[in-house]
Amino acid sequence: MRQKLLCSDNEPWRRRSPGARLYNEELHPETTHGGDRRSQAVHENQNDKLSFCSETSKATGKDKRSIERAAARGAALGDDLSDIAGTSLGKGVELDALAKTSEQERKSLIERAKAGENVSAR
């Protein structure tokens, strides 16, 4: 999963793999928001356990906030991201606007964009 995020592609949708964050959180539950407070692990040295966004930021050279936005977009749009690839909806501002639309309107916009129409969710 991390390889998808580390690819040199600059298309915004490529950096928004919702599965990558979930996969990382399964491997390292202590990095999730709130962390693990019940076990003894909370009392151990936590400095070496970085969050998904921090690790990915260091690996890609991108700002941590950019990674956080990408993860949020990926979580909001899920499997629709693969349909958005290479369309007029593949820009960050379009993805943000698309995430705020209703499911029915989103599907309609994505189908029109896949057909080659220049559409906007804004």
N, C-alpha and C. Protein backbone atom coordinates (compact mmCIF):
# COMPACT_ATOMS: atom_id res chain seq x y z
N MET A 1 0.81 -1.20 0.00
CA MET A 1 0.00 0.00 0.00
C MET A 1 0.86 1.26 0.00
N ARG A 2 1.90 1.27 0.83
CA ARG A 2 2.72 2.46 0.93
C ARG A 2 3.37 2.79 -0.41
N GLN A 3 3.66 1.77 -1.24
CA GLN A 3 4.27 2.02 -2.54
C GLN A 3 3.36 2.89 -3.40
N LYS A 4 2.06 2.71 -3.29
CA LYS A 4 1.12 3.54 -4.04
C LYS A 4 1.27 5.01 -3.65
N LEU A 5 1.52 5.24 -2.37
CA LEU A 5 1.67 6.61 -1.90
C LEU A 5 3.03 7.18 -2.26
N LEU A 6 4.02 6.32 -2.39
CA LEU A 6 5.37 6.78 -2.66
C LEU A 6 5.65 6.96 -4.14
N CYS A 7 4.70 6.60 -5.00
CA CYS A 7 4.94 6.72 -6.43
C CYS A 7 5.14 8.19 -6.79
N SER A 8 5.87 8.41 -7.85
CA SER A 8 6.24 9.78 -8.21
C SER A 8 5.13 10.49 -8.96
N ASP A 9 4.00 9.83 -9.15
CA ASP A 9 2.89 10.46 -9.86
C ASP A 9 2.40 11.67 -9.09
N ASN A 10 2.08 12.72 -9.79
CA ASN A 10 1.61 13.93 -9.13
C ASN A 10 0.10 14.08 -9.16
N GLU A 11 -0.61 13.11 -9.72
CA GLU A 11 -2.06 13.20 -9.74
C GLU A 11 -2.57 13.05 -8.31
N PRO A 12 -3.38 13.99 -7.85
CA PRO A 12 -3.85 13.96 -6.46
C PRO A 12 -4.56 12.67 -6.08
N TRP A 13 -5.32 12.08 -6.98
CA TRP A 13 -6.07 10.88 -6.62
C TRP A 13 -5.16 9.72 -6.31
N ARG A 14 -3.94 9.70 -6.86
CA ARG A 14 -3.02 8.58 -6.63
C ARG A 14 -2.51 8.57 -5.19
N ARG A 15 -2.49 9.71 -4.53
CA ARG A 15 -1.96 9.78 -3.17
C ARG A 15 -3.04 9.50 -2.13
N ARG A 16 -4.25 9.22 -2.55
CA ARG A 16 -5.36 9.10 -1.63
C ARG A 16 -5.87 7.67 -1.52
N SER A 17 -5.00 6.78 -1.24
CA SER A 17 -5.40 5.39 -1.10
C SER A 17 -5.98 5.21 0.30
N PRO A 18 -7.31 5.07 0.40
CA PRO A 18 -7.91 4.91 1.73
C PRO A 18 -7.43 3.64 2.41
N GLY A 19 -7.08 2.64 1.64
CA GLY A 19 -6.61 1.40 2.23
C GLY A 19 -5.24 1.52 2.87
N ALA A 20 -4.41 2.42 2.37
CA ALA A 20 -3.05 2.56 2.90
C ALA A 20 -3.07 2.97 4.36
N ARG A 21 -3.90 3.93 4.69
CA ARG A 21 -3.97 4.39 6.07
C ARG A 21 -4.54 3.30 6.97
N LEU A 22 -5.61 2.65 6.50
CA LEU A 22 -6.22 1.59 7.31
C LEU A 22 -5.26 0.43 7.51
N TYR A 23 -4.52 0.09 6.46
CA TYR A 23 -3.52 -0.98 6.55
C TYR A 23 -2.46 -0.63 7.59
N ASN A 24 -1.99 0.62 7.56
CA ASN A 24 -0.98 1.06 8.52
C ASN A 24 -1.52 1.02 9.94
N GLU A 25 -2.78 1.41 10.12
CA GLU A 25 -3.37 1.42 11.45
C GLU A 25 -3.59 0.00 11.97
N GLU A 26 -3.82 -0.97 11.07
CA GLU A 26 -3.93 -2.36 11.50
C GLU A 26 -2.58 -2.87 11.99
N LEU A 27 -1.53 -2.52 11.26
CA LEU A 27 -0.19 -2.95 11.65
C LEU A 27 0.29 -2.26 12.92
N HIS A 28 -0.08 -0.99 13.09
CA HIS A 28 0.39 -0.18 14.20
C HIS A 28 -0.79 0.54 14.86
N PRO A 29 -1.61 -0.19 15.65
CA PRO A 29 -2.80 0.43 16.25
C PRO A 29 -2.46 1.58 17.18
N GLU A 30 -1.24 1.62 17.68
CA GLU A 30 -0.84 2.70 18.59
C GLU A 30 -0.74 4.04 17.87
N THR A 31 -0.74 4.04 16.53
CA THR A 31 -0.61 5.30 15.79
C THR A 31 -1.96 5.91 15.44
N THR A 32 -3.05 5.22 15.73
CA THR A 32 -4.36 5.77 15.42
C THR A 32 -4.67 6.93 16.35
N HIS A 33 -5.64 7.73 15.95
CA HIS A 33 -6.02 8.88 16.77
C HIS A 33 -6.47 8.37 18.14
N GLY A 34 -5.88 8.87 19.17
CA GLY A 34 -6.20 8.42 20.52
C GLY A 34 -5.27 7.34 21.01
N GLY A 35 -4.76 6.54 20.10
CA GLY A 35 -3.78 5.52 20.44
C GLY A 35 -4.30 4.43 21.35
N ASP A 36 -3.39 3.70 21.94
CA ASP A 36 -3.69 2.58 22.82
C ASP A 36 -3.37 3.01 24.24
N ARG A 37 -4.39 3.26 25.04
CA ARG A 37 -4.15 3.77 26.39
C ARG A 37 -4.35 2.71 27.47
N ARG A 38 -4.83 1.55 27.10
CA ARG A 38 -5.16 0.55 28.12
C ARG A 38 -4.00 -0.38 28.45
N SER A 39 -3.19 -0.68 27.49
CA SER A 39 -2.12 -1.66 27.74
C SER A 39 -0.87 -0.99 28.30
N GLN A 40 0.08 -1.80 28.67
CA GLN A 40 1.35 -1.32 29.20
C GLN A 40 2.13 -0.53 28.14
N ALA A 41 1.83 -0.75 26.88
CA ALA A 41 2.57 -0.09 25.79
C ALA A 41 2.51 1.43 25.90
N VAL A 42 1.48 1.95 26.50
CA VAL A 42 1.35 3.41 26.62
C VAL A 42 2.44 3.99 27.51
N HIS A 43 2.97 3.17 28.41
CA HIS A 43 4.00 3.64 29.32
C HIS A 43 5.41 3.45 28.78
N GLU A 44 5.52 2.76 27.66
CA GLU A 44 6.82 2.55 27.03
C GLU A 44 7.19 3.78 26.20
N ASN A 45 8.40 3.80 25.71
CA ASN A 45 8.86 4.92 24.89
C ASN A 45 8.10 4.93 23.57
N GLN A 46 7.34 5.96 23.33
CA GLN A 46 6.52 6.07 22.14
C GLN A 46 7.16 6.92 21.05
N ASN A 47 8.35 7.44 21.29
CA ASN A 47 8.97 8.34 20.32
C ASN A 47 9.25 7.70 18.98
N ASP A 48 9.48 6.38 18.95
CA ASP A 48 9.80 5.73 17.69
C ASP A 48 8.56 5.32 16.90
N LYS A 49 7.39 5.51 17.48
CA LYS A 49 6.16 5.13 16.81
C LYS A 49 5.49 6.37 16.24
N LEU A 50 5.73 6.60 14.97
CA LEU A 50 5.18 7.79 14.32
C LEU A 50 3.85 7.47 13.67
N SER A 51 3.05 8.46 13.48
CA SER A 51 1.76 8.27 12.83
C SER A 51 1.96 7.99 11.35
N PHE A 52 0.92 7.49 10.73
CA PHE A 52 0.94 7.21 9.29
C PHE A 52 1.31 8.47 8.52
N CYS A 53 0.70 9.58 8.85
CA CYS A 53 0.94 10.83 8.12
C CYS A 53 2.38 11.30 8.29
N SER A 54 2.92 11.18 9.48
CA SER A 54 4.31 11.59 9.71
C SER A 54 5.28 10.72 8.93
N GLU A 55 5.08 9.41 8.99
CA GLU A 55 5.96 8.49 8.27
C GLU A 55 5.90 8.72 6.77
N THR A 56 4.69 8.84 6.25
CA THR A 56 4.51 9.04 4.82
C THR A 56 5.07 10.38 4.38
N SER A 57 4.92 11.38 5.22
CA SER A 57 5.47 12.71 4.92
C SER A 57 6.98 12.65 4.77
N LYS A 58 7.62 11.97 5.69
CA LYS A 58 9.08 11.84 5.62
C LYS A 58 9.51 11.04 4.39
N ALA A 59 8.78 9.98 4.08
CA ALA A 59 9.15 9.11 2.96
C ALA A 59 8.94 9.79 1.61
N THR A 60 7.90 10.64 1.51
CA THR A 60 7.59 11.26 0.22
C THR A 60 8.18 12.65 0.07
N GLY A 61 8.54 13.28 1.19
CA GLY A 61 9.03 14.65 1.13
C GLY A 61 7.91 15.67 1.04
N LYS A 62 6.68 15.22 1.18
CA LYS A 62 5.54 16.13 1.13
C LYS A 62 5.19 16.58 2.55
N ASP A 63 4.52 17.71 2.65
CA ASP A 63 4.12 18.27 3.93
C ASP A 63 3.15 17.32 4.63
N LYS A 64 3.25 17.22 5.95
CA LYS A 64 2.37 16.34 6.72
C LYS A 64 0.91 16.71 6.51
N ARG A 65 0.62 17.99 6.44
CA ARG A 65 -0.77 18.43 6.26
C ARG A 65 -1.31 17.98 4.90
N SER A 66 -0.46 17.96 3.88
CA SER A 66 -0.88 17.47 2.57
C SER A 66 -1.28 16.00 2.64
N ILE A 67 -0.51 15.24 3.39
CA ILE A 67 -0.81 13.81 3.56
C ILE A 67 -2.11 13.65 4.34
N GLU A 68 -2.32 14.48 5.35
CA GLU A 68 -3.57 14.41 6.13
C GLU A 68 -4.78 14.72 5.25
N ARG A 69 -4.65 15.75 4.39
CA ARG A 69 -5.75 16.08 3.48
C ARG A 69 -6.00 14.93 2.51
N ALA A 70 -4.93 14.33 2.01
CA ALA A 70 -5.06 13.22 1.08
C ALA A 70 -5.76 12.03 1.74
N ALA A 71 -5.40 11.74 2.98
CA ALA A 71 -6.02 10.64 3.71
C ALA A 71 -7.50 10.92 3.97
N ALA A 72 -7.82 12.16 4.29
CA ALA A 72 -9.22 12.53 4.53
C ALA A 72 -10.04 12.40 3.25
N ARG A 73 -9.46 12.83 2.13
CA ARG A 73 -10.15 12.70 0.85
C ARG A 73 -10.35 11.23 0.50
N GLY A 74 -9.33 10.44 0.75
CA GLY A 74 -9.43 9.01 0.48
C GLY A 74 -10.50 8.34 1.32
N ALA A 75 -10.58 8.73 2.58
CA ALA A 75 -11.60 8.16 3.46
C ALA A 75 -13.00 8.59 3.04
N ALA A 76 -13.14 9.82 2.59
CA ALA A 76 -14.45 10.34 2.20
C ALA A 76 -14.94 9.76 0.88
N LEU A 77 -14.03 9.54 -0.07
CA LEU A 77 -14.43 9.11 -1.40
C LEU A 77 -14.27 7.61 -1.64
N GLY A 78 -13.41 6.97 -0.90
CA GLY A 78 -13.25 5.52 -0.98
C GLY A 78 -12.99 4.98 -2.38
N ASP A 79 -13.79 4.01 -2.78
CA ASP A 79 -13.59 3.32 -4.06
C ASP A 79 -13.87 4.20 -5.27
N ASP A 80 -14.53 5.31 -5.08
CA ASP A 80 -14.80 6.22 -6.20
C ASP A 80 -13.52 6.83 -6.76
N LEU A 81 -12.44 6.82 -6.00
CA LEU A 81 -11.19 7.43 -6.46
C LEU A 81 -10.66 6.80 -7.73
N SER A 82 -10.81 5.48 -7.86
CA SER A 82 -10.30 4.83 -9.06
C SER A 82 -11.09 5.26 -10.29
N ASP A 83 -12.37 5.59 -10.13
CA ASP A 83 -13.18 6.06 -11.25
C ASP A 83 -12.86 7.50 -11.62
N ILE A 84 -12.35 8.26 -10.67
CA ILE A 84 -12.05 9.67 -10.88
C ILE A 84 -10.73 9.86 -11.62
N ALA A 85 -9.89 8.85 -11.59
CA ALA A 85 -8.54 8.93 -12.17
C ALA A 85 -8.56 9.45 -13.60
N GLY A 86 -7.78 10.50 -13.85
CA GLY A 86 -7.62 11.02 -15.20
C GLY A 86 -8.80 11.82 -15.73
N THR A 87 -9.75 12.16 -14.87
CA THR A 87 -10.90 12.95 -15.32
C THR A 87 -10.77 14.38 -14.83
N SER A 88 -11.74 15.19 -15.19
CA SER A 88 -11.73 16.59 -14.76
C SER A 88 -11.95 16.73 -13.26
N LEU A 89 -12.36 15.66 -12.60
CA LEU A 89 -12.60 15.68 -11.16
C LEU A 89 -11.36 15.28 -10.36
N GLY A 90 -10.23 15.04 -11.02
CA GLY A 90 -9.04 14.54 -10.36
C GLY A 90 -8.18 15.57 -9.66
N LYS A 91 -8.68 16.77 -9.47
CA LYS A 91 -7.91 17.83 -8.78
C LYS A 91 -8.35 17.90 -7.32
N GLY A 92 -7.46 18.39 -6.48
CA GLY A 92 -7.74 18.46 -5.05
C GLY A 92 -9.01 19.21 -4.70
N VAL A 93 -9.21 20.38 -5.29
CA VAL A 93 -10.41 21.17 -4.96
C VAL A 93 -11.67 20.46 -5.44
N GLU A 94 -11.57 19.76 -6.56
CA GLU A 94 -12.72 19.00 -7.06
C GLU A 94 -13.02 17.82 -6.14
N LEU A 95 -11.97 17.16 -5.66
CA LEU A 95 -12.16 16.04 -4.74
C LEU A 95 -12.81 16.50 -3.44
N ASP A 96 -12.39 17.66 -2.94
CA ASP A 96 -12.99 18.20 -1.72
C ASP A 96 -14.47 18.49 -1.94
N ALA A 97 -14.79 19.12 -3.05
CA ALA A 97 -16.18 19.45 -3.35
C ALA A 97 -17.00 18.19 -3.58
N LEU A 98 -16.42 17.22 -4.25
CA LEU A 98 -17.11 15.96 -4.54
C LEU A 98 -17.44 15.21 -3.25
N ALA A 99 -16.55 15.27 -2.28
CA ALA A 99 -16.77 14.60 -1.00
C ALA A 99 -17.96 15.19 -0.24
N LYS A 100 -18.29 16.44 -0.53
CA LYS A 100 -19.39 17.11 0.17
C LYS A 100 -20.73 16.93 -0.52
N THR A 101 -20.74 16.34 -1.72
CA THR A 101 -21.99 16.16 -2.45
C THR A 101 -22.69 14.88 -1.98
N SER A 102 -23.96 14.77 -2.34
CA SER A 102 -24.71 13.57 -1.99
C SER A 102 -24.20 12.40 -2.84
N GLU A 103 -24.45 11.21 -2.38
CA GLU A 103 -24.00 9.99 -3.07
C GLU A 103 -24.55 9.93 -4.50
N GLN A 104 -25.81 10.27 -4.65
CA GLN A 104 -26.45 10.22 -5.97
C GLN A 104 -25.82 11.24 -6.92
N GLU A 105 -25.63 12.45 -6.45
CA GLU A 105 -25.03 13.49 -7.28
C GLU A 105 -23.58 13.14 -7.61
N ARG A 106 -22.88 12.58 -6.65
CA ARG A 106 -21.48 12.19 -6.86
C ARG A 106 -21.37 11.15 -7.97
N LYS A 107 -22.22 10.12 -7.91
CA LYS A 107 -22.20 9.06 -8.94
C LYS A 107 -22.49 9.64 -10.32
N SER A 108 -23.44 10.56 -10.38
CA SER A 108 -23.79 11.18 -11.66
C SER A 108 -22.60 11.97 -12.23
N LEU A 109 -21.96 12.77 -11.39
CA LEU A 109 -20.80 13.55 -11.83
C LEU A 109 -19.65 12.65 -12.28
N ILE A 110 -19.42 11.58 -11.54
CA ILE A 110 -18.33 10.67 -11.89
C ILE A 110 -18.60 9.99 -13.23
N GLU A 111 -19.83 9.55 -13.45
CA GLU A 111 -20.17 8.91 -14.72
C GLU A 111 -19.99 9.87 -15.89
N ARG A 112 -20.42 11.11 -15.70
CA ARG A 112 -20.25 12.10 -16.77
C ARG A 112 -18.78 12.39 -17.03
N ALA A 113 -17.99 12.46 -15.97
CA ALA A 113 -16.55 12.72 -16.12
C ALA A 113 -15.86 11.54 -16.80
N LYS A 114 -16.26 10.32 -16.45
CA LYS A 114 -15.67 9.13 -17.08
C LYS A 114 -15.99 9.08 -18.58
N ALA A 115 -17.14 9.64 -18.95
CA ALA A 115 -17.54 9.67 -20.36
C ALA A 115 -16.77 10.72 -21.15
N GLY A 116 -15.94 11.50 -20.46
CA GLY A 116 -15.12 12.49 -21.14
C GLY A 116 -15.63 13.91 -21.03
N GLU A 117 -16.75 14.08 -20.36
CA GLU A 117 -17.31 15.42 -20.20
C GLU A 117 -16.49 16.20 -19.17
N ASN A 118 -16.32 17.47 -19.39
CA ASN A 118 -15.58 18.33 -18.46
C ASN A 118 -16.57 18.85 -17.42
N VAL A 119 -16.61 18.20 -16.26
CA VAL A 119 -17.57 18.55 -15.21
C VAL A 119 -16.84 19.10 -14.00
N SER A 120 -17.60 19.76 -13.14
CA SER A 120 -17.05 20.30 -11.90
C SER A 120 -18.02 20.03 -10.77
N ALA A 121 -17.50 19.69 -9.62
CA ALA A 121 -18.33 19.45 -8.44
C ALA A 121 -18.50 20.72 -7.61
N ARG A 122 -17.80 21.78 -7.99
CA ARG A 122 -17.88 23.03 -7.23
C ARG A 122 -19.08 23.84 -7.60
